[in-house]
């Protein structure tokens, strides 16, 4: 969320705890490390992500996660 707000300061969110869903975005490409408690497996499977707590799953620093803002 912090990275998104640097590029898009008006992006929607209302918490930083992963349970409200306001910051949900569509993942265009990349692997997500889901850390929310709201999205179902099927929602995650079709590319939903909560930006307040979730992040790119590639911890090597070389991975990219593209989302649709």
Protein backbone atom coordinates (compact mmCIF):
# COMPACT_ATOMS: atom_id res chain seq x y z
CA UNK A 1 0.00 0.00 0.00
CA UNK A 2 2.82 2.40 0.80
CA UNK A 3 4.32 1.94 -2.67
CA UNK A 4 0.93 2.47 -4.31
CA UNK A 5 0.25 5.62 -2.32
CA UNK A 6 3.57 7.08 -3.47
CA UNK A 7 2.43 6.71 -7.10
CA UNK A 8 -1.33 7.11 -6.64
CA UNK A 9 -2.02 9.13 -3.47
CA UNK A 10 -5.78 8.93 -3.99
CA UNK A 11 -5.91 5.10 -4.05
CA UNK A 12 -8.71 3.75 -1.88
CA UNK A 13 -8.04 2.15 1.49
CA UNK A 14 -9.46 2.53 4.97
CA UNK A 15 -7.35 0.26 7.14
CA UNK A 16 -4.08 -1.61 7.19
CA UNK A 17 -5.33 -4.86 8.71
CA UNK A 18 -6.53 -6.94 5.73
CA UNK A 19 -10.18 -7.46 6.56
CA UNK A 20 -12.27 -4.63 5.06
CA UNK A 21 -11.65 -4.98 1.29
CA UNK A 22 -11.56 -1.28 0.36
CA UNK A 23 -8.08 -1.55 -1.19
CA UNK A 24 -8.86 -4.61 -3.37
CA UNK A 25 -7.19 -4.48 -6.80
CA UNK A 26 -6.81 -6.82 -9.76
CA UNK A 27 -3.43 -8.48 -10.23
CA UNK A 28 -2.31 -8.34 -13.85
CA UNK A 29 0.87 -10.39 -13.44
CA UNK A 30 3.18 -11.76 -10.78
CA UNK A 31 2.80 -13.94 -7.71
CA UNK A 32 1.07 -12.60 -4.60
CA UNK A 33 1.85 -13.34 -0.96
CA UNK A 34 -1.72 -13.02 0.37
CA UNK A 35 -1.78 -11.90 4.00
CA UNK A 36 -5.42 -10.84 4.27
CA UNK A 37 -8.28 -12.62 6.03
CA UNK A 38 -11.04 -11.51 3.66
CA UNK A 39 -10.50 -12.91 0.16
CA UNK A 40 -11.63 -16.43 -0.66
CA UNK A 41 -9.44 -18.89 -2.55
CA UNK A 42 -11.58 -18.35 -5.67
CA UNK A 43 -11.22 -14.55 -5.43
CA UNK A 44 -7.47 -14.93 -5.10
CA UNK A 45 -7.52 -17.37 -8.01
CA UNK A 46 -9.08 -14.82 -10.37
CA UNK A 47 -6.50 -12.20 -9.45
CA UNK A 48 -7.85 -10.22 -6.50
CA UNK A 49 -5.42 -8.75 -3.96
CA UNK A 50 -5.71 -6.53 -0.88
CA UNK A 51 -2.87 -4.04 -1.09
CA UNK A 52 -2.94 -3.04 2.58
CA UNK A 53 -1.24 -6.25 3.74
CA UNK A 54 -0.41 -8.43 0.71
CA UNK A 55 2.72 -8.11 -1.41
CA UNK A 56 4.83 -9.70 -4.13
CA UNK A 57 5.66 -13.30 -3.28
CA UNK A 58 9.14 -13.09 -4.82
CA UNK A 59 11.45 -12.22 -1.96
CA UNK A 60 14.61 -12.20 -4.10
CA UNK A 61 14.04 -8.57 -5.00
CA UNK A 62 13.93 -9.39 -8.70
CA UNK A 63 10.22 -10.21 -8.92
CA UNK A 64 7.57 -7.86 -10.18
CA UNK A 65 3.92 -7.58 -9.33
CA UNK A 66 1.72 -5.63 -11.74
CA UNK A 67 -1.68 -4.48 -10.55
CA UNK A 68 -4.52 -2.59 -12.21
CA UNK A 69 -5.09 0.71 -10.43
